[in-house]
């Protein structure tokens, strides 16, 4: 049986790289932002924080907040026609505009 090569960050260099203008310290308000149950959020991965990092497949997806567990939020995200639940740190989330 063949050994699986690579991990969750394989083939994701462009998704997990910041532009030069975005490099530096992150805003503390983004790290501690609050969301309520039922809010729509967009997943935008912050590469400099590895806590609560979602899989790069979900970059740019819109999800609904189901609740909070510890410091992470539980999101409901559609992956094609399949509903999936993710646990994501708030630094990787933005309020959805739309």
PDB file of N, CA and C in Angstrom:
ATOM      1  N   UNK A   1       0.842  -1.177   0.000  1.00  0.00           N
ATOM      2  CA  UNK A   1       0.000   0.000   0.000  1.00  0.00           C
ATOM      3  C   UNK A   1       0.892   1.246   0.000  1.00  0.00           C
ATOM      4  N   UNK A   2       0.528   2.223  -0.795  1.00  0.00           N
ATOM      5  CA  UNK A   2       1.340   3.427  -0.929  1.00  0.00           C
ATOM      6  C   UNK A   2       1.161   4.345   0.276  1.00  0.00           C
ATOM      7  N   UNK A   3       2.225   5.032   0.634  1.00  0.00           N
ATOM      8  CA  UNK A   3       2.204   5.974   1.744  1.00  0.00           C
ATOM      9  C   UNK A   3       1.675   7.318   1.242  1.00  0.00           C
ATOM     10  N   UNK A   4       0.814   7.956   2.018  1.00  0.00           N
ATOM     11  CA  UNK A   4       0.272   9.253   1.611  1.00  0.00           C
ATOM     12  C   UNK A   4       1.343  10.322   1.810  1.00  0.00           C
ATOM     13  N   UNK A   5       1.564  11.092   0.769  1.00  0.00           N
ATOM     14  CA  UNK A   5       2.576  12.145   0.809  1.00  0.00           C
ATOM     15  C   UNK A   5       1.900  13.481   1.089  1.00  0.00           C
ATOM     16  N   UNK A   6       2.433  14.214   2.054  1.00  0.00           N
ATOM     17  CA  UNK A   6       1.961  15.561   2.318  1.00  0.00           C
ATOM     18  C   UNK A   6       0.901  15.610   3.399  1.00  0.00           C
ATOM     19  N   UNK A   7       0.658  16.815   3.878  1.00  0.00           N
ATOM     20  CA  UNK A   7      -0.317  17.038   4.939  1.00  0.00           C
ATOM     21  C   UNK A   7      -1.403  17.998   4.492  1.00  0.00           C
ATOM     22  N   UNK A   8      -2.013  18.692   5.465  1.00  0.00           N
ATOM     23  CA  UNK A   8      -3.137  19.568   5.152  1.00  0.00           C
ATOM     24  C   UNK A   8      -2.712  20.866   4.450  1.00  0.00           C
ATOM     25  N   UNK A   9      -1.411  21.188   4.489  1.00  0.00           N
ATOM     26  CA  UNK A   9      -0.944  22.428   3.863  1.00  0.00           C
ATOM     27  C   UNK A   9      -0.313  22.191   2.489  1.00  0.00           C
ATOM     28  N   UNK A  10      -0.389  20.974   1.999  1.00  0.00           N
ATOM     29  CA  UNK A  10       0.212  20.641   0.710  1.00  0.00           C
ATOM     30  C   UNK A  10      -0.536  21.352  -0.413  1.00  0.00           C
ATOM     31  N   UNK A  11       0.202  21.901  -1.371  1.00  0.00           N
ATOM     32  CA  UNK A  11      -0.321  22.592  -2.554  1.00  0.00           C
ATOM     33  C   UNK A  11      -1.178  23.804  -2.177  1.00  0.00           C
ATOM     34  N   UNK A  12      -0.816  24.519  -1.121  1.00  0.00           N
ATOM     35  CA  UNK A  12      -1.617  25.671  -0.689  1.00  0.00           C
ATOM     36  C   UNK A  12      -0.742  26.905  -0.479  1.00  0.00           C
ATOM     37  N   UNK A  13       0.369  26.989  -1.202  1.00  0.00           N
ATOM     38  CA  UNK A  13       1.301  28.102  -0.989  1.00  0.00           C
ATOM     39  C   UNK A  13       0.643  29.449  -1.268  1.00  0.00           C
ATOM     40  N   UNK A  14      -0.118  29.561  -2.350  1.00  0.00           N
ATOM     41  CA  UNK A  14      -0.708  30.858  -2.691  1.00  0.00           C
ATOM     42  C   UNK A  14      -1.815  31.241  -1.713  1.00  0.00           C
ATOM     43  N   UNK A  15      -2.552  30.246  -1.208  1.00  0.00           N
ATOM     44  CA  UNK A  15      -3.624  30.539  -0.254  1.00  0.00           C
ATOM     45  C   UNK A  15      -3.074  30.949   1.103  1.00  0.00           C
ATOM     46  N   UNK A  16      -1.937  30.392   1.498  1.00  0.00           N
ATOM     47  CA  UNK A  16      -1.389  30.625   2.828  1.00  0.00           C
ATOM     48  C   UNK A  16      -0.189  31.568   2.802  1.00  0.00           C
ATOM     49  N   UNK A  17      -0.138  32.475   1.844  1.00  0.00           N
ATOM     50  CA  UNK A  17       0.927  33.469   1.773  1.00  0.00           C
ATOM     51  C   UNK A  17       0.303  34.855   1.811  1.00  0.00           C
ATOM     52  N   UNK A  18       0.865  35.723   2.638  1.00  0.00           N
ATOM     53  CA  UNK A  18       0.383  37.100   2.711  1.00  0.00           C
ATOM     54  C   UNK A  18       1.077  37.958   1.664  1.00  0.00           C
ATOM     55  N   UNK A  19       0.384  39.006   1.239  1.00  0.00           N
ATOM     56  CA  UNK A  19       1.025  40.002   0.380  1.00  0.00           C
ATOM     57  C   UNK A  19       1.977  40.819   1.249  1.00  0.00           C
ATOM     58  N   UNK A  20       2.939  41.463   0.624  1.00  0.00           N
ATOM     59  CA  UNK A  20       3.942  42.235   1.358  1.00  0.00           C
ATOM     60  C   UNK A  20       3.280  43.329   2.187  1.00  0.00           C
ATOM     61  N   UNK A  21       2.241  43.968   1.664  1.00  0.00           N
ATOM     62  CA  UNK A  21       1.575  45.056   2.379  1.00  0.00           C
ATOM     63  C   UNK A  21       0.776  44.566   3.586  1.00  0.00           C
ATOM     64  N   UNK A  22       0.455  43.270   3.635  1.00  0.00           N
ATOM     65  CA  UNK A  22      -0.341  42.723   4.733  1.00  0.00           C
ATOM     66  C   UNK A  22       0.512  42.142   5.849  1.00  0.00           C
ATOM     67  N   UNK A  23       1.814  42.039   5.652  1.00  0.00           N
ATOM     68  CA  UNK A  23       2.679  41.396   6.642  1.00  0.00           C
ATOM     69  C   UNK A  23       2.826  42.265   7.883  1.00  0.00           C
ATOM     70  N   UNK A  24       3.119  41.640   8.997  1.00  0.00           N
ATOM     71  CA  UNK A  24       3.289  42.359  10.252  1.00  0.00           C
ATOM     72  C   UNK A  24       2.328  41.828  11.291  1.00  0.00           C
ATOM     73  N   UNK A  25       2.183  42.563  12.371  1.00  0.00           N
ATOM     74  CA  UNK A  25       1.307  42.137  13.457  1.00  0.00           C
ATOM     75  C   UNK A  25      -0.150  42.192  13.019  1.00  0.00           C
ATOM     76  N   UNK A  26      -0.927  41.243  13.536  1.00  0.00           N
ATOM     77  CA  UNK A  26      -2.356  41.266  13.251  1.00  0.00           C
ATOM     78  C   UNK A  26      -3.054  42.150  14.282  1.00  0.00           C
ATOM     79  N   UNK A  27      -4.228  42.644  13.914  1.00  0.00           N
ATOM     80  CA  UNK A  27      -4.984  43.493  14.829  1.00  0.00           C
ATOM     81  C   UNK A  27      -5.536  42.643  15.970  1.00  0.00           C
ATOM     82  N   UNK A  28      -5.398  43.119  17.171  1.00  0.00           N
ATOM     83  CA  UNK A  28      -5.875  42.390  18.344  1.00  0.00           C
ATOM     84  C   UNK A  28      -7.391  42.289  18.332  1.00  0.00           C
ATOM     85  N   UNK A  29      -8.067  43.273  17.720  1.00  0.00           N
ATOM     86  CA  UNK A  29      -9.532  43.224  17.647  1.00  0.00           C
ATOM     87  C   UNK A  29     -10.002  42.086  16.747  1.00  0.00           C
ATOM     88  N   UNK A  30      -9.228  41.745  15.731  1.00  0.00           N
ATOM     89  CA  UNK A  30      -9.588  40.623  14.864  1.00  0.00           C
ATOM     90  C   UNK A  30      -9.394  39.297  15.601  1.00  0.00           C
ATOM     91  N   UNK A  31      -8.410  39.247  16.466  1.00  0.00           N
ATOM     92  CA  UNK A  31      -8.117  38.034  17.232  1.00  0.00           C
ATOM     93  C   UNK A  31      -9.237  37.730  18.229  1.00  0.00           C
ATOM     94  N   UNK A  32      -9.832  38.772  18.809  1.00  0.00           N
ATOM     95  CA  UNK A  32     -10.845  38.604  19.844  1.00  0.00           C
ATOM     96  C   UNK A  32     -12.253  38.981  19.388  1.00  0.00           C
ATOM     97  N   UNK A  33     -12.518  39.008  18.080  1.00  0.00           N
ATOM     98  CA  UNK A  33     -13.838  39.407  17.609  1.00  0.00           C
ATOM     99  C   UNK A  33     -14.903  38.391  18.028  1.00  0.00           C
ATOM    100  N   UNK A  34     -16.118  38.882  18.223  1.00  0.00           N
ATOM    101  CA  UNK A  34     -17.230  38.065  18.707  1.00  0.00           C
ATOM    102  C   UNK A  34     -18.271  37.899  17.602  1.00  0.00           C
ATOM    103  N   UNK A  35     -18.880  36.718  17.563  1.00  0.00           N
ATOM    104  CA  UNK A  35     -19.979  36.438  16.647  1.00  0.00           C
ATOM    105  C   UNK A  35     -21.117  35.811  17.431  1.00  0.00           C
ATOM    106  N   UNK A  36     -22.339  36.011  16.962  1.00  0.00           N
ATOM    107  CA  UNK A  36     -23.516  35.436  17.604  1.00  0.00           C
ATOM    108  C   UNK A  36     -24.008  34.234  16.817  1.00  0.00           C
ATOM    109  N   UNK A  37     -24.795  33.408  17.472  1.00  0.00           N
ATOM    110  CA  UNK A  37     -25.368  32.237  16.819  1.00  0.00           C
ATOM    111  C   UNK A  37     -26.253  32.700  15.659  1.00  0.00           C
ATOM    112  N   UNK A  38     -26.066  32.101  14.500  1.00  0.00           N
ATOM    113  CA  UNK A  38     -26.850  32.457  13.313  1.00  0.00           C
ATOM    114  C   UNK A  38     -26.184  33.471  12.404  1.00  0.00           C
ATOM    115  N   UNK A  39     -25.069  34.088  12.833  1.00  0.00           N
ATOM    116  CA  UNK A  39     -24.357  35.057  11.990  1.00  0.00           C
ATOM    117  C   UNK A  39     -23.717  34.350  10.798  1.00  0.00           C
ATOM    118  N   UNK A  40     -23.674  35.061   9.674  1.00  0.00           N
ATOM    119  CA  UNK A  40     -22.970  34.566   8.490  1.00  0.00           C
ATOM    120  C   UNK A  40     -21.546  35.104   8.534  1.00  0.00           C
ATOM    121  N   UNK A  41     -20.575  34.228   8.300  1.00  0.00           N
ATOM    122  CA  UNK A  41     -19.170  34.631   8.319  1.00  0.00           C
ATOM    123  C   UNK A  41     -18.464  34.072   7.088  1.00  0.00           C
ATOM    124  N   UNK A  42     -17.415  34.778   6.667  1.00  0.00           N
ATOM    125  CA  UNK A  42     -16.573  34.328   5.568  1.00  0.00           C
ATOM    126  C   UNK A  42     -15.269  33.814   6.152  1.00  0.00           C
ATOM    127  N   UNK A  43     -14.805  32.678   5.658  1.00  0.00           N
ATOM    128  CA  UNK A  43     -13.543  32.106   6.125  1.00  0.00           C
ATOM    129  C   UNK A  43     -12.407  32.719   5.329  1.00  0.00           C
ATOM    130  N   UNK A  44     -11.537  33.453   6.019  1.00  0.00           N
ATOM    131  CA  UNK A  44     -10.340  34.034   5.404  1.00  0.00           C
ATOM    132  C   UNK A  44      -9.171  33.640   6.296  1.00  0.00           C
ATOM    133  N   UNK A  45      -8.369  32.705   5.823  1.00  0.00           N
ATOM    134  CA  UNK A  45      -7.296  32.137   6.634  1.00  0.00           C
ATOM    135  C   UNK A  45      -6.217  33.181   6.906  1.00  0.00           C
ATOM    136  N   UNK A  46      -5.842  33.295   8.181  1.00  0.00           N
ATOM    137  CA  UNK A  46      -4.722  34.137   8.617  1.00  0.00           C
ATOM    138  C   UNK A  46      -3.517  33.215   8.782  1.00  0.00           C
ATOM    139  N   UNK A  47      -2.573  33.233   7.832  1.00  0.00           N
ATOM    140  CA  UNK A  47      -1.480  32.263   7.841  1.00  0.00           C
ATOM    141  C   UNK A  47      -0.544  32.363   9.039  1.00  0.00           C
ATOM    142  N   UNK A  48      -0.478  33.516   9.702  1.00  0.00           N
ATOM    143  CA  UNK A  48       0.462  33.671  10.799  1.00  0.00           C
ATOM    144  C   UNK A  48      -0.049  33.070  12.108  1.00  0.00           C
ATOM    145  N   UNK A  49      -1.330  32.674  12.165  1.00  0.00           N
ATOM    146  CA  UNK A  49      -1.903  32.064  13.363  1.00  0.00           C
ATOM    147  C   UNK A  49      -2.282  30.630  13.020  1.00  0.00           C
ATOM    148  N   UNK A  50      -1.713  29.662  13.742  1.00  0.00           N
ATOM    149  CA  UNK A  50      -1.957  28.264  13.433  1.00  0.00           C
ATOM    150  C   UNK A  50      -3.044  27.646  14.301  1.00  0.00           C
ATOM    151  N   UNK A  51      -3.492  28.368  15.335  1.00  0.00           N
ATOM    152  CA  UNK A  51      -4.568  27.876  16.189  1.00  0.00           C
ATOM    153  C   UNK A  51      -5.878  27.873  15.422  1.00  0.00           C
ATOM    154  N   UNK A  52      -6.648  26.823  15.525  1.00  0.00           N
ATOM    155  CA  UNK A  52      -7.984  26.784  14.941  1.00  0.00           C
ATOM    156  C   UNK A  52      -8.006  27.027  13.456  1.00  0.00           C
ATOM    157  N   UNK A  53      -6.978  26.557  12.762  1.00  0.00           N
ATOM    158  CA  UNK A  53      -6.849  26.797  11.320  1.00  0.00           C
ATOM    159  C   UNK A  53      -7.734  25.829  10.550  1.00  0.00           C
ATOM    160  N   UNK A  54      -8.648  26.334   9.698  1.00  0.00           N
ATOM    161  CA  UNK A  54      -9.453  25.423   8.890  1.00  0.00           C
ATOM    162  C   UNK A  54      -8.643  24.894   7.709  1.00  0.00           C
ATOM    163  N   UNK A  55      -9.133  23.853   7.072  1.00  0.00           N
ATOM    164  CA  UNK A  55      -8.468  23.319   5.895  1.00  0.00           C
ATOM    165  C   UNK A  55      -8.516  24.366   4.779  1.00  0.00           C
ATOM    166  N   UNK A  56      -7.437  24.520   4.004  1.00  0.00           N
ATOM    167  CA  UNK A  56      -7.416  25.525   2.934  1.00  0.00           C
ATOM    168  C   UNK A  56      -8.507  25.341   1.879  1.00  0.00           C
ATOM    169  N   UNK A  57      -9.152  24.189   1.823  1.00  0.00           N
ATOM    170  CA  UNK A  57     -10.271  23.967   0.889  1.00  0.00           C
ATOM    171  C   UNK A  57     -11.407  24.948   1.176  1.00  0.00           C
ATOM    172  N   UNK A  58     -11.560  25.348   2.436  1.00  0.00           N
ATOM    173  CA  UNK A  58     -12.670  26.194   2.842  1.00  0.00           C
ATOM    174  C   UNK A  58     -12.356  27.686   2.754  1.00  0.00           C
ATOM    175  N   UNK A  59     -11.208  28.070   2.228  1.00  0.00           N
ATOM    176  CA  UNK A  59     -10.837  29.474   2.059  1.00  0.00           C
ATOM    177  C   UNK A  59     -11.871  30.181   1.184  1.00  0.00           C
ATOM    178  N   UNK A  60     -12.441  31.271   1.698  1.00  0.00           N
ATOM    179  CA  UNK A  60     -13.408  32.060   0.941  1.00  0.00           C
ATOM    180  C   UNK A  60     -14.840  31.584   1.042  1.00  0.00           C
ATOM    181  N   UNK A  61     -15.093  30.475   1.711  1.00  0.00           N
ATOM    182  CA  UNK A  61     -16.458  29.948   1.840  1.00  0.00           C
ATOM    183  C   UNK A  61     -17.229  30.732   2.896  1.00  0.00           C
ATOM    184  N   UNK A  62     -18.541  30.732   2.758  1.00  0.00           N
ATOM    185  CA  UNK A  62     -19.417  31.395   3.718  1.00  0.00           C
ATOM    186  C   UNK A  62     -20.069  30.326   4.572  1.00  0.00           C
ATOM    187  N   UNK A  63     -20.071  30.552   5.885  1.00  0.00           N
ATOM    188  CA  UNK A  63     -20.674  29.609   6.816  1.00  0.00           C
ATOM    189  C   UNK A  63     -21.559  30.314   7.817  1.00  0.00           C
ATOM    190  N   UNK A  64     -22.323  29.522   8.543  1.00  0.00           N
ATOM    191  CA  UNK A  64     -23.214  30.040   9.574  1.00  0.00           C
ATOM    192  C   UNK A  64     -22.705  29.588  10.936  1.00  0.00           C
ATOM    193  N   UNK A  65     -22.676  30.503  11.892  1.00  0.00           N
ATOM    194  CA  UNK A  65     -22.199  30.190  13.238  1.00  0.00           C
ATOM    195  C   UNK A  65     -23.271  29.390  13.969  1.00  0.00           C
ATOM    196  N   UNK A  66     -22.886  28.201  14.446  1.00  0.00           N
ATOM    197  CA  UNK A  66     -23.806  27.345  15.215  1.00  0.00           C
ATOM    198  C   UNK A  66     -23.623  27.521  16.715  1.00  0.00           C
ATOM    199  N   UNK A  67     -22.412  27.897  17.135  1.00  0.00           N
ATOM    200  CA  UNK A  67     -22.143  28.064  18.558  1.00  0.00           C
ATOM    201  C   UNK A  67     -20.660  28.280  18.790  1.00  0.00           C
ATOM    202  N   UNK A  68     -20.267  28.209  20.051  1.00  0.00           N
ATOM    203  CA  UNK A  68     -18.883  28.441  20.420  1.00  0.00           C
ATOM    204  C   UNK A  68     -18.419  27.308  21.317  1.00  0.00           C
ATOM    205  N   UNK A  69     -17.195  26.848  21.106  1.00  0.00           N
ATOM    206  CA  UNK A  69     -16.617  25.814  21.951  1.00  0.00           C
ATOM    207  C   UNK A  69     -15.206  26.248  22.290  1.00  0.00           C
ATOM    208  N   UNK A  70     -14.978  26.626  23.540  1.00  0.00           N
ATOM    209  CA  UNK A  70     -13.684  27.163  23.928  1.00  0.00           C
ATOM    210  C   UNK A  70     -13.492  28.519  23.286  1.00  0.00           C
ATOM    211  N   UNK A  71     -12.385  28.711  22.602  1.00  0.00           N
ATOM    212  CA  UNK A  71     -12.137  29.979  21.919  1.00  0.00           C
ATOM    213  C   UNK A  71     -12.523  29.914  20.448  1.00  0.00           C
ATOM    214  N   UNK A  72     -12.950  28.752  19.961  1.00  0.00           N
ATOM    215  CA  UNK A  72     -13.298  28.569  18.552  1.00  0.00           C
ATOM    216  C   UNK A  72     -14.813  28.600  18.346  1.00  0.00           C
ATOM    217  N   UNK A  73     -15.202  28.888  17.103  1.00  0.00           N
ATOM    218  CA  UNK A  73     -16.601  28.874  16.721  1.00  0.00           C
ATOM    219  C   UNK A  73     -16.890  27.636  15.880  1.00  0.00           C
ATOM    220  N   UNK A  74     -18.073  27.084  16.065  1.00  0.00           N
ATOM    221  CA  UNK A  74     -18.514  25.950  15.256  1.00  0.00           C
ATOM    222  C   UNK A  74     -19.312  26.529  14.093  1.00  0.00           C
ATOM    223  N   UNK A  75     -18.895  26.199  12.878  1.00  0.00           N
ATOM    224  CA  UNK A  75     -19.537  26.716  11.673  1.00  0.00           C
ATOM    225  C   UNK A  75     -20.191  25.597  10.894  1.00  0.00           C
ATOM    226  N   UNK A  76     -21.284  25.934  10.214  1.00  0.00           N
ATOM    227  CA  UNK A  76     -21.917  25.024   9.270  1.00  0.00           C
ATOM    228  C   UNK A  76     -21.574  25.541   7.879  1.00  0.00           C
ATOM    229  N   UNK A  77     -20.861  24.722   7.095  1.00  0.00           N
ATOM    230  CA  UNK A  77     -20.404  25.117   5.764  1.00  0.00           C
ATOM    231  C   UNK A  77     -20.863  24.060   4.771  1.00  0.00           C
ATOM    232  N   UNK A  78     -21.334  24.503   3.615  1.00  0.00           N
ATOM    233  CA  UNK A  78     -21.720  23.571   2.567  1.00  0.00           C
ATOM    234  C   UNK A  78     -20.494  23.260   1.708  1.00  0.00           C
ATOM    235  N   UNK A  79     -20.226  21.979   1.516  1.00  0.00           N
ATOM    236  CA  UNK A  79     -19.139  21.518   0.648  1.00  0.00           C
ATOM    237  C   UNK A  79     -19.795  20.756  -0.490  1.00  0.00           C
ATOM    238  N   UNK A  80     -20.141  21.497  -1.541  1.00  0.00           N
ATOM    239  CA  UNK A  80     -20.954  20.919  -2.608  1.00  0.00           C
ATOM    240  C   UNK A  80     -22.369  20.779  -2.078  1.00  0.00           C
ATOM    241  N   UNK A  81     -22.881  19.559  -2.012  1.00  0.00           N
ATOM    242  CA  UNK A  81     -24.217  19.329  -1.467  1.00  0.00           C
ATOM    243  C   UNK A  81     -24.156  18.739  -0.058  1.00  0.00           C
ATOM    244  N   UNK A  82     -22.950  18.623   0.494  1.00  0.00           N
ATOM    245  CA  UNK A  82     -22.757  18.032   1.817  1.00  0.00           C
ATOM    246  C   UNK A  82     -22.552  19.144   2.850  1.00  0.00           C
ATOM    247  N   UNK A  83     -23.293  19.040   3.964  1.00  0.00           N
ATOM    248  CA  UNK A  83     -23.159  20.014   5.050  1.00  0.00           C
ATOM    249  C   UNK A  83     -22.059  19.549   5.993  1.00  0.00           C
ATOM    250  N   UNK A  84     -21.090  20.432   6.272  1.00  0.00           N
ATOM    251  CA  UNK A  84     -19.986  20.070   7.150  1.00  0.00           C
ATOM    252  C   UNK A  84     -19.902  21.057   8.304  1.00  0.00           C
ATOM    253  N   UNK A  85     -19.392  20.568   9.446  1.00  0.00           N
ATOM    254  CA  UNK A  85     -19.190  21.411  10.616  1.00  0.00           C
ATOM    255  C   UNK A  85     -17.693  21.596  10.819  1.00  0.00           C
ATOM    256  N   UNK A  86     -17.288  22.837  11.044  1.00  0.00           N
ATOM    257  CA  UNK A  86     -15.880  23.173  11.257  1.00  0.00           C
ATOM    258  C   UNK A  86     -15.743  23.891  12.585  1.00  0.00           C
ATOM    259  N   UNK A  87     -14.584  23.717  13.217  1.00  0.00           N
ATOM    260  CA  UNK A  87     -14.239  24.501  14.391  1.00  0.00           C
ATOM    261  C   UNK A  87     -13.116  25.444  13.981  1.00  0.00           C
ATOM    262  N   UNK A  88     -13.383  26.748  14.023  1.00  0.00           N
ATOM    263  CA  UNK A  88     -12.459  27.735  13.481  1.00  0.00           C
ATOM    264  C   UNK A  88     -12.241  28.848  14.503  1.00  0.00           C
ATOM    265  N   UNK A  89     -10.986  29.252  14.648  1.00  0.00           N
ATOM    266  CA  UNK A  89     -10.635  30.372  15.524  1.00  0.00           C
ATOM    267  C   UNK A  89     -11.136  31.668  14.882  1.00  0.00           C
ATOM    268  N   UNK A  90     -11.599  32.640  15.680  1.00  0.00           N
ATOM    269  CA  UNK A  90     -12.163  33.876  15.118  1.00  0.00           C
ATOM    270  C   UNK A  90     -11.194  34.714  14.293  1.00  0.00           C
ATOM    271  N   UNK A  91      -9.884  34.506  14.428  1.00  0.00           N
ATOM    272  CA  UNK A  91      -8.940  35.282  13.628  1.00  0.00           C
ATOM    273  C   UNK A  91      -9.032  34.883  12.150  1.00  0.00           C
ATOM    274  N   UNK A  92      -9.580  33.714  11.858  1.00  0.00           N
ATOM    275  CA  UNK A  92      -9.731  33.244  10.481  1.00  0.00           C
ATOM    276  C   UNK A  92     -11.107  33.555   9.914  1.00  0.00           C
ATOM    277  N   UNK A  93     -11.904  34.370  10.632  1.00  0.00           N
ATOM    278  CA  UNK A  93     -13.267  34.676  10.207  1.00  0.00           C
ATOM    279  C   UNK A  93     -13.457  36.166   9.996  1.00  0.00           C
ATOM    280  N   UNK A  94     -14.316  36.511   9.051  1.00  0.00           N
ATOM    281  CA  UNK A  94     -14.713  37.891   8.811  1.00  0.00           C
ATOM    282  C   UNK A  94     -16.242  37.934   8.728  1.00  0.00           C
ATOM    283  N   UNK A  95     -16.878  39.007   9.198  1.00  0.00           N
ATOM    284  CA  UNK A  95     -18.332  39.119   9.029  1.00  0.00           C
ATOM    285  C   UNK A  95     -18.666  39.133   7.537  1.00  0.00           C
ATOM    286  N   UNK A  96     -19.690  38.371   7.161  1.00  0.00           N
ATOM    287  CA  UNK A  96     -20.065  38.281   5.736  1.00  0.00           C
ATOM    288  C   UNK A  96     -20.831  39.527   5.318  1.00  0.00           C
ATOM    289  N   UNK A  97     -20.425  40.100   4.200  1.00  0.00           N
ATOM    290  CA  UNK A  97     -21.121  41.278   3.650  1.00  0.00           C
ATOM    291  C   UNK A  97     -21.947  40.804   2.470  1.00  0.00           C
ATOM    292  N   UNK A  98     -23.245  40.812   2.642  1.00  0.00           N
ATOM    293  CA  UNK A  98     -24.074  40.397   1.517  1.00  0.00           C
ATOM    294  C   UNK A  98     -25.370  39.789   1.889  1.00  0.00           C
TER     295      UNK A  98
END
